[in-house]
Amino acid sequence: QVQLEESGGGLVQAGDSLRLSCKASGGPVYAYTMAWFRQAPGKEREIVAALIGRGELSHYNNAVKGRFTISRDPAKNIVNLQMETLKPEDTAIYYCAAAKFWTTKRSLYDDWGQGTQVTVSS
């Protein structure tokens, strides 16, 4: 089991950038599929981006392709989500998650952080 803690959320304006970080403890981030999910009010939690290994495989939600980038820093055991050109529809609670194998299915992620709020004003 790996413990995850997100940081970096906040209130920004449309078009701004923001970087979320997820600090992992209890296991190396390169040994897991690491992902970011988000949940907007009244909506289901959806995957934003996922990464496995040292970048051998990655996945992005179509809504964020070309704007968001997931990366990991093995030395610091951190996974980042760089978000560019933010839109009001990106407003959500963002969660970091880890799975023991490659998957994009929410139900197959074993470990979750508490989440960090991102609010994008128009």
PDB file of N, CA and C in Angstrom:
ATOM      1  N   GLN A   1       0.838  -1.184   0.000  1.00  0.00           N
ATOM      2  CA  GLN A   1       0.000   0.000   0.000  1.00  0.00           C
ATOM      3  C   GLN A   1       0.882   1.247   0.000  1.00  0.00           C
ATOM      4  N   VAL A   2       0.529   2.222  -0.814  1.00  0.00           N
ATOM      5  CA  VAL A   2       1.290   3.456  -0.880  1.00  0.00           C
ATOM      6  C   VAL A   2       0.400   4.602  -0.420  1.00  0.00           C
ATOM      7  N   GLN A   3       0.987   5.509   0.342  1.00  0.00           N
ATOM      8  CA  GLN A   3       0.239   6.667   0.825  1.00  0.00           C
ATOM      9  C   GLN A   3       0.500   7.842  -0.126  1.00  0.00           C
ATOM     10  N   LEU A   4      -0.558   8.571  -0.442  1.00  0.00           N
ATOM     11  CA  LEU A   4      -0.475   9.644  -1.424  1.00  0.00           C
ATOM     12  C   LEU A   4      -1.004  10.947  -0.840  1.00  0.00           C
ATOM     13  N   GLU A   5      -0.309  12.027  -1.139  1.00  0.00           N
ATOM     14  CA  GLU A   5      -0.741  13.336  -0.654  1.00  0.00           C
ATOM     15  C   GLU A   5      -0.589  14.355  -1.766  1.00  0.00           C
ATOM     16  N   GLU A   6      -1.712  14.960  -2.151  1.00  0.00           N
ATOM     17  CA  GLU A   6      -1.712  15.952  -3.221  1.00  0.00           C
ATOM     18  C   GLU A   6      -1.459  17.353  -2.689  1.00  0.00           C
ATOM     19  N   SER A   7      -0.958  18.199  -3.554  1.00  0.00           N
ATOM     20  CA  SER A   7      -0.795  19.616  -3.237  1.00  0.00           C
ATOM     21  C   SER A   7      -0.805  20.409  -4.542  1.00  0.00           C
ATOM     22  N   GLY A   8      -0.989  21.718  -4.415  1.00  0.00           N
ATOM     23  CA  GLY A   8      -0.883  22.583  -5.580  1.00  0.00           C
ATOM     24  C   GLY A   8      -2.178  23.118  -6.121  1.00  0.00           C
ATOM     25  N   GLY A   9      -3.307  22.703  -5.555  1.00  0.00           N
ATOM     26  CA  GLY A   9      -4.575  23.206  -6.047  1.00  0.00           C
ATOM     27  C   GLY A   9      -4.768  24.666  -5.686  1.00  0.00           C
ATOM     28  N   GLY A  10      -5.819  25.259  -6.242  1.00  0.00           N
ATOM     29  CA  GLY A  10      -6.106  26.645  -5.929  1.00  0.00           C
ATOM     30  C   GLY A  10      -7.123  27.249  -6.863  1.00  0.00           C
ATOM     31  N   LEU A  11      -7.288  28.560  -6.743  1.00  0.00           N
ATOM     32  CA  LEU A  11      -8.221  29.319  -7.578  1.00  0.00           C
ATOM     33  C   LEU A  11      -7.416  30.085  -8.626  1.00  0.00           C
ATOM     34  N   VAL A  12      -7.748  29.847  -9.891  1.00  0.00           N
ATOM     35  CA  VAL A  12      -7.056  30.524 -10.985  1.00  0.00           C
ATOM     36  C   VAL A  12      -8.078  31.020 -11.990  1.00  0.00           C
ATOM     37  N   GLN A  13      -7.621  31.825 -12.921  1.00  0.00           N
ATOM     38  CA  GLN A  13      -8.495  32.323 -13.975  1.00  0.00           C
ATOM     39  C   GLN A  13      -8.340  31.469 -15.233  1.00  0.00           C
ATOM     40  N   ALA A  14      -9.356  31.506 -16.067  1.00  0.00           N
ATOM     41  CA  ALA A  14      -9.291  30.783 -17.336  1.00  0.00           C
ATOM     42  C   ALA A  14      -8.063  31.217 -18.124  1.00  0.00           C
ATOM     43  N   GLY A  15      -7.359  30.235 -18.676  1.00  0.00           N
ATOM     44  CA  GLY A  15      -6.144  30.509 -19.422  1.00  0.00           C
ATOM     45  C   GLY A  15      -4.873  30.386 -18.609  1.00  0.00           C
ATOM     46  N   ASP A  16      -5.010  30.341 -17.291  1.00  0.00           N
ATOM     47  CA  ASP A  16      -3.847  30.223 -16.410  1.00  0.00           C
ATOM     48  C   ASP A  16      -3.321  28.794 -16.399  1.00  0.00           C
ATOM     49  N   SER A  17      -2.160  28.636 -15.760  1.00  0.00           N
ATOM     50  CA  SER A  17      -1.539  27.336 -15.581  1.00  0.00           C
ATOM     51  C   SER A  17      -1.482  27.002 -14.098  1.00  0.00           C
ATOM     52  N   LEU A  18      -1.365  25.708 -13.817  1.00  0.00           N
ATOM     53  CA  LEU A  18      -1.272  25.242 -12.440  1.00  0.00           C
ATOM     54  C   LEU A  18      -0.575  23.889 -12.462  1.00  0.00           C
ATOM     55  N   ARG A  19       0.217  23.625 -11.433  1.00  0.00           N
ATOM     56  CA  ARG A  19       0.853  22.322 -11.347  1.00  0.00           C
ATOM     57  C   ARG A  19       0.464  21.653 -10.041  1.00  0.00           C
ATOM     58  N   LEU A  20      -0.069  20.465 -10.161  1.00  0.00           N
ATOM     59  CA  LEU A  20      -0.399  19.649  -9.007  1.00  0.00           C
ATOM     60  C   LEU A  20       0.733  18.659  -8.768  1.00  0.00           C
ATOM     61  N   SER A  21       0.979  18.376  -7.499  1.00  0.00           N
ATOM     62  CA  SER A  21       1.992  17.391  -7.143  1.00  0.00           C
ATOM     63  C   SER A  21       1.389  16.338  -6.228  1.00  0.00           C
ATOM     64  N   CYS A  22       1.892  15.134  -6.330  1.00  0.00           N
ATOM     65  CA  CYS A  22       1.440  14.017  -5.505  1.00  0.00           C
ATOM     66  C   CYS A  22       2.677  13.367  -4.914  1.00  0.00           C
ATOM     67  N   LYS A  23       2.807  13.481  -3.605  1.00  0.00           N
ATOM     68  CA  LYS A  23       3.929  12.887  -2.911  1.00  0.00           C
ATOM     69  C   LYS A  23       3.543  11.496  -2.458  1.00  0.00           C
ATOM     70  N   ALA A  24       4.353  10.504  -2.833  1.00  0.00           N
ATOM     71  CA  ALA A  24       4.086   9.117  -2.459  1.00  0.00           C
ATOM     72  C   ALA A  24       5.046   8.663  -1.370  1.00  0.00           C
ATOM     73  N   SER A  25       4.523   7.858  -0.466  1.00  0.00           N
ATOM     74  CA  SER A  25       5.362   7.238   0.555  1.00  0.00           C
ATOM     75  C   SER A  25       4.916   5.791   0.735  1.00  0.00           C
ATOM     76  N   GLY A  26       5.868   4.948   1.059  1.00  0.00           N
ATOM     77  CA  GLY A  26       5.558   3.533   1.229  1.00  0.00           C
ATOM     78  C   GLY A  26       5.839   2.698   0.003  1.00  0.00           C
ATOM     79  N   GLY A  27       6.304   3.346  -1.060  1.00  0.00           N
ATOM     80  CA  GLY A  27       6.622   2.611  -2.274  1.00  0.00           C
ATOM     81  C   GLY A  27       7.101   3.563  -3.350  1.00  0.00           C
ATOM     82  N   PRO A  28       7.920   3.084  -4.292  1.00  0.00           N
ATOM     83  CA  PRO A  28       8.444   3.960  -5.347  1.00  0.00           C
ATOM     84  C   PRO A  28       7.401   4.196  -6.441  1.00  0.00           C
ATOM     85  N   VAL A  29       7.288   5.435  -6.893  1.00  0.00           N
ATOM     86  CA  VAL A  29       6.248   5.774  -7.872  1.00  0.00           C
ATOM     87  C   VAL A  29       6.455   5.034  -9.194  1.00  0.00           C
ATOM     88  N   TYR A  30       7.716   4.689  -9.521  1.00  0.00           N
ATOM     89  CA  TYR A  30       7.930   4.029 -10.797  1.00  0.00           C
ATOM     90  C   TYR A  30       7.425   2.587 -10.800  1.00  0.00           C
ATOM     91  N   ALA A  31       7.119   2.035  -9.622  1.00  0.00           N
ATOM     92  CA  ALA A  31       6.635   0.655  -9.536  1.00  0.00           C
ATOM     93  C   ALA A  31       5.130   0.546  -9.727  1.00  0.00           C
ATOM     94  N   TYR A  32       4.439   1.652  -9.846  1.00  0.00           N
ATOM     95  CA  TYR A  32       2.986   1.664  -9.941  1.00  0.00           C
ATOM     96  C   TYR A  32       2.540   2.393 -11.198  1.00  0.00           C
ATOM     97  N   THR A  33       1.313   2.123 -11.587  1.00  0.00           N
ATOM     98  CA  THR A  33       0.644   3.051 -12.483  1.00  0.00           C
ATOM     99  C   THR A  33       0.158   4.193 -11.619  1.00  0.00           C
ATOM    100  N   MET A  34       0.591   5.395 -11.946  1.00  0.00           N
ATOM    101  CA  MET A  34       0.181   6.576 -11.206  1.00  0.00           C
ATOM    102  C   MET A  34      -0.780   7.374 -12.077  1.00  0.00           C
ATOM    103  N   ALA A  35      -1.838   7.853 -11.458  1.00  0.00           N
ATOM    104  CA  ALA A  35      -2.856   8.549 -12.236  1.00  0.00           C
ATOM    105  C   ALA A  35      -3.419   9.731 -11.471  1.00  0.00           C
ATOM    106  N   TRP A  36      -3.985  10.641 -12.222  1.00  0.00           N
ATOM    107  CA  TRP A  36      -4.774  11.731 -11.687  1.00  0.00           C
ATOM    108  C   TRP A  36      -6.223  11.549 -12.152  1.00  0.00           C
ATOM    109  N   PHE A  37      -7.129  11.653 -11.208  1.00  0.00           N
ATOM    110  CA  PHE A  37      -8.558  11.648 -11.482  1.00  0.00           C
ATOM    111  C   PHE A  37      -9.113  12.996 -11.041  1.00  0.00           C
ATOM    112  N   ARG A  38     -10.308  13.289 -11.474  1.00  0.00           N
ATOM    113  CA  ARG A  38     -10.982  14.486 -10.989  1.00  0.00           C
ATOM    114  C   ARG A  38     -12.474  14.222 -10.860  1.00  0.00           C
ATOM    115  N   GLN A  39     -13.083  14.973  -9.952  1.00  0.00           N
ATOM    116  CA  GLN A  39     -14.523  14.847  -9.748  1.00  0.00           C
ATOM    117  C   GLN A  39     -15.114  16.228  -9.579  1.00  0.00           C
ATOM    118  N   ALA A  40     -15.961  16.585 -10.509  1.00  0.00           N
ATOM    119  CA  ALA A  40     -16.676  17.856 -10.453  1.00  0.00           C
ATOM    120  C   ALA A  40     -17.992  17.647  -9.714  1.00  0.00           C
ATOM    121  N   PRO A  41     -18.572  18.709  -9.161  1.00  0.00           N
ATOM    122  CA  PRO A  41     -19.834  18.572  -8.434  1.00  0.00           C
ATOM    123  C   PRO A  41     -20.918  17.932  -9.300  1.00  0.00           C
ATOM    124  N   GLY A  42     -21.551  16.914  -8.761  1.00  0.00           N
ATOM    125  CA  GLY A  42     -22.633  16.254  -9.457  1.00  0.00           C
ATOM    126  C   GLY A  42     -22.213  15.302 -10.552  1.00  0.00           C
ATOM    127  N   LYS A  43     -20.902  15.104 -10.699  1.00  0.00           N
ATOM    128  CA  LYS A  43     -20.410  14.219 -11.761  1.00  0.00           C
ATOM    129  C   LYS A  43     -19.594  13.073 -11.169  1.00  0.00           C
ATOM    130  N   GLU A  44     -19.429  12.033 -11.979  1.00  0.00           N
ATOM    131  CA  GLU A  44     -18.615  10.908 -11.540  1.00  0.00           C
ATOM    132  C   GLU A  44     -17.131  11.248 -11.628  1.00  0.00           C
ATOM    133  N   ARG A  45     -16.370  10.540 -10.830  1.00  0.00           N
ATOM    134  CA  ARG A  45     -14.923  10.717 -10.870  1.00  0.00           C
ATOM    135  C   ARG A  45     -14.391  10.147 -12.184  1.00  0.00           C
ATOM    136  N   GLU A  46     -13.579  10.921 -12.875  1.00  0.00           N
ATOM    137  CA  GLU A  46     -13.065  10.493 -14.167  1.00  0.00           C
ATOM    138  C   GLU A  46     -11.545  10.579 -14.194  1.00  0.00           C
ATOM    139  N   ILE A  47     -10.958   9.742 -15.013  1.00  0.00           N
ATOM    140  CA  ILE A  47      -9.508   9.778 -15.136  1.00  0.00           C
ATOM    141  C   ILE A  47      -9.083  10.987 -15.958  1.00  0.00           C
ATOM    142  N   VAL A  48      -8.015  11.607 -15.541  1.00  0.00           N
ATOM    143  CA  VAL A  48      -7.451  12.745 -16.252  1.00  0.00           C
ATOM    144  C   VAL A  48      -6.217  12.307 -17.037  1.00  0.00           C
ATOM    145  N   ALA A  49      -5.312  11.616 -16.338  1.00  0.00           N
ATOM    146  CA  ALA A  49      -4.080  11.156 -16.977  1.00  0.00           C
ATOM    147  C   ALA A  49      -3.481  10.032 -16.152  1.00  0.00           C
ATOM    148  N   ALA A  50      -2.728   9.169 -16.819  1.00  0.00           N
ATOM    149  CA  ALA A  50      -2.075   8.050 -16.141  1.00  0.00           C
ATOM    150  C   ALA A  50      -0.727   7.797 -16.781  1.00  0.00           C
ATOM    151  N   LEU A  51       0.157   7.227 -15.978  1.00  0.00           N
ATOM    152  CA  LEU A  51       1.529   6.990 -16.424  1.00  0.00           C
ATOM    153  C   LEU A  51       2.051   5.749 -15.715  1.00  0.00           C
ATOM    154  N   ILE A  52       2.808   4.938 -16.450  1.00  0.00           N
ATOM    155  CA  ILE A  52       3.408   3.768 -15.829  1.00  0.00           C
ATOM    156  C   ILE A  52       4.892   3.735 -16.119  1.00  0.00           C
ATOM    157  N   GLY A  53       5.625   3.150 -15.188  1.00  0.00           N
ATOM    158  CA  GLY A  53       7.063   2.981 -15.374  1.00  0.00           C
ATOM    159  C   GLY A  53       7.763   4.322 -15.521  1.00  0.00           C
ATOM    160  N   ARG A  54       8.646   4.369 -16.470  1.00  0.00           N
ATOM    161  CA  ARG A  54       9.382   5.597 -16.728  1.00  0.00           C
ATOM    162  C   ARG A  54       8.861   6.296 -17.977  1.00  0.00           C
ATOM    163  N   GLY A  55       7.559   6.133 -18.181  1.00  0.00           N
ATOM    164  CA  GLY A  55       6.901   6.798 -19.297  1.00  0.00           C
ATOM    165  C   GLY A  55       6.614   5.893 -20.466  1.00  0.00           C
ATOM    166  N   GLU A  56       6.753   4.558 -20.248  1.00  0.00           N
ATOM    167  CA  GLU A  56       6.516   3.633 -21.345  1.00  0.00           C
ATOM    168  C   GLU A  56       5.083   3.713 -21.864  1.00  0.00           C
ATOM    169  N   LEU A  57       4.166   3.954 -20.962  1.00  0.00           N
ATOM    170  CA  LEU A  57       2.768   4.069 -21.345  1.00  0.00           C
ATOM    171  C   LEU A  57       2.169   5.290 -20.671  1.00  0.00           C
ATOM    172  N   SER A  58       1.342   6.007 -21.381  1.00  0.00           N
ATOM    173  CA  SER A  58       0.616   7.120 -20.783  1.00  0.00           C
ATOM    174  C   SER A  58      -0.771   7.203 -21.407  1.00  0.00           C
ATOM    175  N   HIS A  59      -1.646   7.848 -20.698  1.00  0.00           N
ATOM    176  CA  HIS A  59      -3.037   7.983 -21.150  1.00  0.00           C
ATOM    177  C   HIS A  59      -3.543   9.346 -20.723  1.00  0.00           C
ATOM    178  N   TYR A  60      -4.303   9.988 -21.602  1.00  0.00           N
ATOM    179  CA  TYR A  60      -4.910  11.274 -21.283  1.00  0.00           C
ATOM    180  C   TYR A  60      -6.376  11.260 -21.660  1.00  0.00           C
ATOM    181  N   ASN A  61      -7.175  11.839 -20.807  1.00  0.00           N
ATOM    182  CA  ASN A  61      -8.565  12.117 -21.137  1.00  0.00           C
ATOM    183  C   ASN A  61      -8.568  13.051 -22.358  1.00  0.00           C
ATOM    184  N   ASN A  62      -9.456  12.790 -23.290  1.00  0.00           N
ATOM    185  CA  ASN A  62      -9.516  13.630 -24.502  1.00  0.00           C
ATOM    186  C   ASN A  62      -9.709  15.106 -24.174  1.00  0.00           C
ATOM    187  N   ALA A  63     -10.400  15.365 -23.072  1.00  0.00           N
ATOM    188  CA  ALA A  63     -10.699  16.755 -22.714  1.00  0.00           C
ATOM    189  C   ALA A  63      -9.453  17.543 -22.305  1.00  0.00           C
ATOM    190  N   VAL A  64      -8.357  16.831 -21.972  1.00  0.00           N
ATOM    191  CA  VAL A  64      -7.164  17.534 -21.490  1.00  0.00           C
ATOM    192  C   VAL A  64      -5.953  17.322 -22.401  1.00  0.00           C
ATOM    193  N   LYS A  65      -6.086  16.508 -23.430  1.00  0.00           N
ATOM    194  CA  LYS A  65      -4.955  16.252 -24.332  1.00  0.00           C
ATOM    195  C   LYS A  65      -4.420  17.546 -24.916  1.00  0.00           C
ATOM    196  N   GLY A  66      -3.126  17.680 -24.876  1.00  0.00           N
ATOM    197  CA  GLY A  66      -2.475  18.869 -25.407  1.00  0.00           C
ATOM    198  C   GLY A  66      -2.393  20.008 -24.404  1.00  0.00           C
ATOM    199  N   ARG A  67      -3.101  19.894 -23.274  1.00  0.00           N
ATOM    200  CA  ARG A  67      -3.073  20.947 -22.253  1.00  0.00           C
ATOM    201  C   ARG A  67      -2.430  20.472 -20.953  1.00  0.00           C
ATOM    202  N   PHE A  68      -2.635  19.208 -20.617  1.00  0.00           N
ATOM    203  CA  PHE A  68      -2.122  18.654 -19.363  1.00  0.00           C
ATOM    204  C   PHE A  68      -0.986  17.672 -19.664  1.00  0.00           C
ATOM    205  N   THR A  69      -0.039  17.619 -18.728  1.00  0.00           N
ATOM    206  CA  THR A  69       1.065  16.677 -18.853  1.00  0.00           C
ATOM    207  C   THR A  69       1.324  16.018 -17.504  1.00  0.00           C
ATOM    208  N   ILE A  70       1.336  14.690 -17.514  1.00  0.00           N
ATOM    209  CA  ILE A  70       1.657  13.947 -16.299  1.00  0.00           C
ATOM    210  C   ILE A  70       3.123  13.528 -16.366  1.00  0.00           C
ATOM    211  N   SER A  71       3.797  13.615 -15.235  1.00  0.00           N
ATOM    212  CA  SER A  71       5.210  13.230 -15.203  1.00  0.00           C
ATOM    213  C   SER A  71       5.535  12.753 -13.795  1.00  0.00           C
ATOM    214  N   ARG A  72       6.669  12.103 -13.676  1.00  0.00           N
ATOM    215  CA  ARG A  72       7.068  11.665 -12.346  1.00  0.00           C
ATOM    216  C   ARG A  72       8.526  12.024 -12.101  1.00  0.00           C
ATOM    217  N   ASP A  73       8.839  12.239 -10.837  1.00  0.00           N
ATOM    218  CA  ASP A  73      10.201  12.523 -10.412  1.00  0.00           C
ATOM    219  C   ASP A  73      10.598  11.429  -9.432  1.00  0.00           C
ATOM    220  N   PRO A  74      11.247  10.375  -9.926  1.00  0.00           N
ATOM    221  CA  PRO A  74      11.576   9.248  -9.047  1.00  0.00           C
ATOM    222  C   PRO A  74      12.471   9.640  -7.877  1.00  0.00           C
ATOM    223  N   ALA A  75      13.341  10.607  -8.075  1.00  0.00           N
ATOM    224  CA  ALA A  75      14.247  11.006  -7.004  1.00  0.00           C
ATOM    225  C   ALA A  75      13.479  11.559  -5.806  1.00  0.00           C
ATOM    226  N   LYS A  76      12.379  12.258  -6.091  1.00  0.00           N
ATOM    227  CA  LYS A  76      11.570  12.848  -5.018  1.00  0.00           C
ATOM    228  C   LYS A  76      10.328  12.015  -4.727  1.00  0.00           C
ATOM    229  N   ASN A  77      10.134  10.964  -5.521  1.00  0.00           N
ATOM    230  CA  ASN A  77       8.934  10.107  -5.382  1.00  0.00           C
ATOM    231  C   ASN A  77       7.650  10.925  -5.498  1.00  0.00           C
ATOM    232  N   ILE A  78       7.616  11.742  -6.534  1.00  0.00           N
ATOM    233  CA  ILE A  78       6.503  12.649  -6.773  1.00  0.00           C
ATOM    234  C   ILE A  78       5.976  12.446  -8.184  1.00  0.00           C
ATOM    235  N   VAL A  79       4.665  12.588  -8.314  1.00  0.00           N
ATOM    236  CA  VAL A  79       4.018  12.609  -9.627  1.00  0.00           C
ATOM    237  C   VAL A  79       3.387  13.980  -9.798  1.00  0.00           C
ATOM    238  N   ASN A  80       3.647  14.597 -10.922  1.00  0.00           N
ATOM    239  CA  ASN A  80       3.120  15.932 -11.180  1.00  0.00           C
ATOM    240  C   ASN A  80       2.069  15.916 -12.283  1.00  0.00           C
ATOM    241  N   LEU A  81       1.189  16.883 -12.220  1.00  0.00           N
ATOM    242  CA  LEU A  81       0.235  17.122 -13.311  1.00  0.00           C
ATOM    243  C   LEU A  81       0.351  18.598 -13.655  1.00  0.00           C
ATOM    244  N   GLN A  82       0.979  18.885 -14.776  1.00  0.00           N
ATOM    245  CA  GLN A  82       1.103  20.252 -15.257  1.00  0.00           C
ATOM    246  C   GLN A  82      -0.125  20.571 -16.100  1.00  0.00           C
ATOM    247  N   MET A  83      -0.834  21.609 -15.706  1.00  0.00           N
ATOM    248  CA  MET A  83      -2.080  21.963 -16.385  1.00  0.00           C
ATOM    249  C   MET A  83      -1.933  23.338 -17.014  1.00  0.00           C
ATOM    250  N   GLU A  84      -2.125  23.382 -18.314  1.00  0.00           N
ATOM    251  CA  GLU A  84      -2.017  24.638 -19.061  1.00  0.00           C
ATOM    252  C   GLU A  84      -3.377  25.020 -19.636  1.00  0.00           C
ATOM    253  N   THR A  85      -3.510  26.297 -19.943  1.00  0.00           N
ATOM    254  CA  THR A  85      -4.726  26.817 -20.595  1.00  0.00           C
ATOM    255  C   THR A  85      -5.973  26.287 -19.905  1.00  0.00           C
ATOM    256  N   LEU A  86      -6.051  26.494 -18.625  1.00  0.00           N
ATOM    257  CA  LEU A  86      -7.159  25.960 -17.842  1.00  0.00           C
ATOM    258  C   LEU A  86      -8.477  26.591 -18.259  1.00  0.00           C
ATOM    259  N   LYS A  87      -9.529  25.784 -18.163  1.00  0.00           N
ATOM    260  CA  LYS A  87     -10.875  26.204 -18.525  1.00  0.00           C
ATOM    261  C   LYS A  87     -11.786  26.052 -17.314  1.00  0.00           C
ATOM    262  N   PRO A  88     -12.894  26.786 -17.279  1.00  0.00           N
ATOM    263  CA  PRO A  88     -13.833  26.635 -16.159  1.00  0.00           C
ATOM    264  C   PRO A  88     -14.303  25.186 -15.983  1.00  0.00           C
ATOM    265  N   GLU A  89     -14.423  24.454 -17.078  1.00  0.00           N
ATOM    266  CA  GLU A  89     -14.868  23.058 -16.969  1.00  0.00           C
ATOM    267  C   GLU A  89     -13.805  22.133 -16.372  1.00  0.00           C
ATOM    268  N   ASP A  90     -12.605  22.648 -16.131  1.00  0.00           N
ATOM    269  CA  ASP A  90     -11.585  21.866 -15.425  1.00  0.00           C
ATOM    270  C   ASP A  90     -11.769  21.941 -13.913  1.00  0.00           C
ATOM    271  N   THR A  91     -12.696  22.756 -13.458  1.00  0.00           N
ATOM    272  CA  THR A  91     -12.957  22.881 -12.028  1.00  0.00           C
ATOM    273  C   THR A  91     -13.407  21.556 -11.450  1.00  0.00           C
ATOM    274  N   ALA A  92     -12.699  21.100 -10.418  1.00  0.00           N
ATOM    275  CA  ALA A  92     -12.994  19.804  -9.815  1.00  0.00           C
ATOM    276  C   ALA A  92     -12.049  19.590  -8.640  1.00  0.00           C
ATOM    277  N   ILE A  93     -12.327  18.535  -7.895  1.00  0.00           N
ATOM    278  CA  ILE A  93     -11.353  18.038  -6.932  1.00  0.00           C
ATOM    279  C   ILE A  93     -10.488  17.036  -7.690  1.00  0.00           C
ATOM    280  N   TYR A  94      -9.187  17.212  -7.589  1.00  0.00           N
ATOM    281  CA  TYR A  94      -8.244  16.346  -8.291  1.00  0.00           C
ATOM    282  C   TYR A  94      -7.610  15.373  -7.301  1.00  0.00           C
ATOM    283  N   TYR A  95      -7.632  14.099  -7.685  1.00  0.00           N
ATOM    284  CA  TYR A  95      -7.125  13.042  -6.835  1.00  0.00           C
ATOM    285  C   TYR A  95      -5.956  12.328  -7.501  1.00  0.00           C
ATOM    286  N   CYS A  96      -4.970  11.994  -6.706  1.00  0.00           N
ATOM    287  CA  CYS A  96      -3.864  11.153  -7.137  1.00  0.00           C
ATOM    288  C   CYS A  96      -4.196   9.713  -6.746  1.00  0.00           C
ATOM    289  N   ALA A  97      -3.833   8.766  -7.606  1.00  0.00           N
ATOM    290  CA  ALA A  97      -4.138   7.368  -7.331  1.00  0.00           C
ATOM    291  C   ALA A  97      -3.032   6.470  -7.859  1.00  0.00           C
ATOM    292  N   ALA A  98      -2.944   5.281  -7.261  1.00  0.00           N
ATOM    293  CA  ALA A  98      -1.917   4.317  -7.661  1.00  0.00           C
ATOM    294  C   ALA A  98      -2.541   2.946  -7.858  1.00  0.00           C
ATOM    295  N   ALA A  99      -2.054   2.247  -8.876  1.00  0.00           N
ATOM    296  CA  ALA A  99      -2.488   0.875  -9.147  1.00  0.00           C
ATOM    297  C   ALA A  99      -1.264   0.011  -9.366  1.00  0.00           C
ATOM    298  N   LYS A 100      -1.408  -1.279  -9.077  1.00  0.00           N
ATOM    299  CA  LYS A 100      -0.256  -2.173  -9.158  1.00  0.00           C
ATOM    300  C   LYS A 100       0.045  -2.603 -10.588  1.00  0.00           C
ATOM    301  N   PHE A 101      -0.861  -2.323 -11.526  1.00  0.00           N
ATOM    302  CA  PHE A 101      -0.628  -2.685 -12.906  1.00  0.00           C
ATOM    303  C   PHE A 101      -1.249  -1.612 -13.784  1.00  0.00           C
ATOM    304  N   TRP A 102      -1.031  -1.707 -15.102  1.00  0.00           N
ATOM    305  CA  TRP A 102      -1.544  -0.686 -16.023  1.00  0.00           C
ATOM    306  C   TRP A 102      -3.056  -0.796 -16.147  1.00  0.00           C
ATOM    307  N   THR A 103      -3.741   0.276 -15.842  1.00  0.00           N
ATOM    308  CA  THR A 103      -5.182   0.348 -15.995  1.00  0.00           C
ATOM    309  C   THR A 103      -5.615   1.796 -16.008  1.00  0.00           C
ATOM    310  N   THR A 104      -6.763   2.040 -16.645  1.00  0.00           N
ATOM    311  CA  THR A 104      -7.381   3.362 -16.591  1.00  0.00           C
ATOM    312  C   THR A 104      -8.739   3.296 -15.920  1.00  0.00           C
ATOM    313  N   LYS A 105      -9.070   2.135 -15.380  1.00  0.00           N
ATOM    314  CA  LYS A 105     -10.355   1.941 -14.705  1.00  0.00           C
ATOM    315  C   LYS A 105     -10.268   2.401 -13.252  1.00  0.00           C
ATOM    316  N   ARG A 106     -11.145   3.292 -12.909  1.00  0.00           N
ATOM    317  CA  ARG A 106     -11.137   3.862 -11.559  1.00  0.00           C
ATOM    318  C   ARG A 106     -11.209   2.784 -10.486  1.00  0.00           C
ATOM    319  N   SER A 107     -12.030   1.772 -10.686  1.00  0.00           N
ATOM    320  CA  SER A 107     -12.265   0.754  -9.663  1.00  0.00           C
ATOM    321  C   SER A 107     -11.037  -0.106  -9.382  1.00  0.00           C
ATOM    322  N   LEU A 108     -10.065  -0.068 -10.276  1.00  0.00           N
ATOM    323  CA  LEU A 108      -8.882  -0.910 -10.110  1.00  0.00           C
ATOM    324  C   LEU A 108      -7.718  -0.184  -9.455  1.00  0.00           C
ATOM    325  N   TYR A 109      -7.936   1.065  -9.087  1.00  0.00           N
ATOM    326  CA  TYR A 109      -6.897   1.790  -8.357  1.00  0.00           C
ATOM    327  C   TYR A 109      -7.057   1.524  -6.869  1.00  0.00           C
ATOM    328  N   ASP A 110      -5.960   1.128  -6.245  1.00  0.00           N
ATOM    329  CA  ASP A 110      -6.014   0.671  -4.853  1.00  0.00           C
ATOM    330  C   ASP A 110      -5.827   1.797  -3.842  1.00  0.00           C
ATOM    331  N   ASP A 111      -4.993   2.742  -4.180  1.00  0.00           N
ATOM    332  CA  ASP A 111      -4.614   3.759  -3.216  1.00  0.00           C
ATOM    333  C   ASP A 111      -4.957   5.150  -3.756  1.00  0.00           C
ATOM    334  N   TRP A 112      -5.478   5.989  -2.862  1.00  0.00           N
ATOM    335  CA  TRP A 112      -5.950   7.321  -3.240  1.00  0.00           C
ATOM    336  C   TRP A 112      -5.469   8.363  -2.251  1.00  0.00           C
ATOM    337  N   GLY A 113      -5.243   9.564  -2.770  1.00  0.00           N
ATOM    338  CA  GLY A 113      -5.000  10.699  -1.903  1.00  0.00           C
ATOM    339  C   GLY A 113      -6.321  11.327  -1.480  1.00  0.00           C
ATOM    340  N   GLN A 114      -6.222  12.370  -0.668  1.00  0.00           N
ATOM    341  CA  GLN A 114      -7.421  13.037  -0.162  1.00  0.00           C
ATOM    342  C   GLN A 114      -8.011  14.023  -1.160  1.00  0.00           C
ATOM    343  N   GLY A 115      -7.236  14.416  -2.138  1.00  0.00           N
ATOM    344  CA  GLY A 115      -7.736  15.329  -3.157  1.00  0.00           C
ATOM    345  C   GLY A 115      -7.332  16.771  -2.901  1.00  0.00           C
ATOM    346  N   THR A 116      -7.275  17.530  -3.988  1.00  0.00           N
ATOM    347  CA  THR A 116      -6.986  18.953  -3.904  1.00  0.00           C
ATOM    348  C   THR A 116      -7.912  19.695  -4.861  1.00  0.00           C
ATOM    349  N   GLN A 117      -8.475  20.791  -4.386  1.00  0.00           N
ATOM    350  CA  GLN A 117      -9.472  21.527  -5.163  1.00  0.00           C
ATOM    351  C   GLN A 117      -8.799  22.428  -6.193  1.00  0.00           C
ATOM    352  N   VAL A 118      -9.295  22.357  -7.407  1.00  0.00           N
ATOM    353  CA  VAL A 118      -8.905  23.280  -8.474  1.00  0.00           C
ATOM    354  C   VAL A 118     -10.147  24.009  -8.937  1.00  0.00           C
ATOM    355  N   THR A 119     -10.119  25.316  -8.884  1.00  0.00           N
ATOM    356  CA  THR A 119     -11.245  26.123  -9.323  1.00  0.00           C
ATOM    357  C   THR A 119     -10.759  27.104 -10.381  1.00  0.00           C
ATOM    358  N   VAL A 120     -11.419  27.081 -11.531  1.00  0.00           N
ATOM    359  CA  VAL A 120     -11.044  27.955 -12.640  1.00  0.00           C
ATOM    360  C   VAL A 120     -12.200  28.906 -12.898  1.00  0.00           C
ATOM    361  N   SER A 121     -11.940  30.174 -12.716  1.00  0.00           N
ATOM    362  CA  SER A 121     -12.986  31.179 -12.927  1.00  0.00           C
ATOM    363  C   SER A 121     -12.928  31.694 -14.365  1.00  0.00           C
ATOM    364  N   SER A 122     -14.092  32.095 -14.868  1.00  0.00           N
ATOM    365  CA  SER A 122     -14.170  32.572 -16.266  1.00  0.00           C
ATOM    366  C   SER A 122     -13.902  34.065 -16.351  1.00  0.00           C
TER     367      SER A 122
END
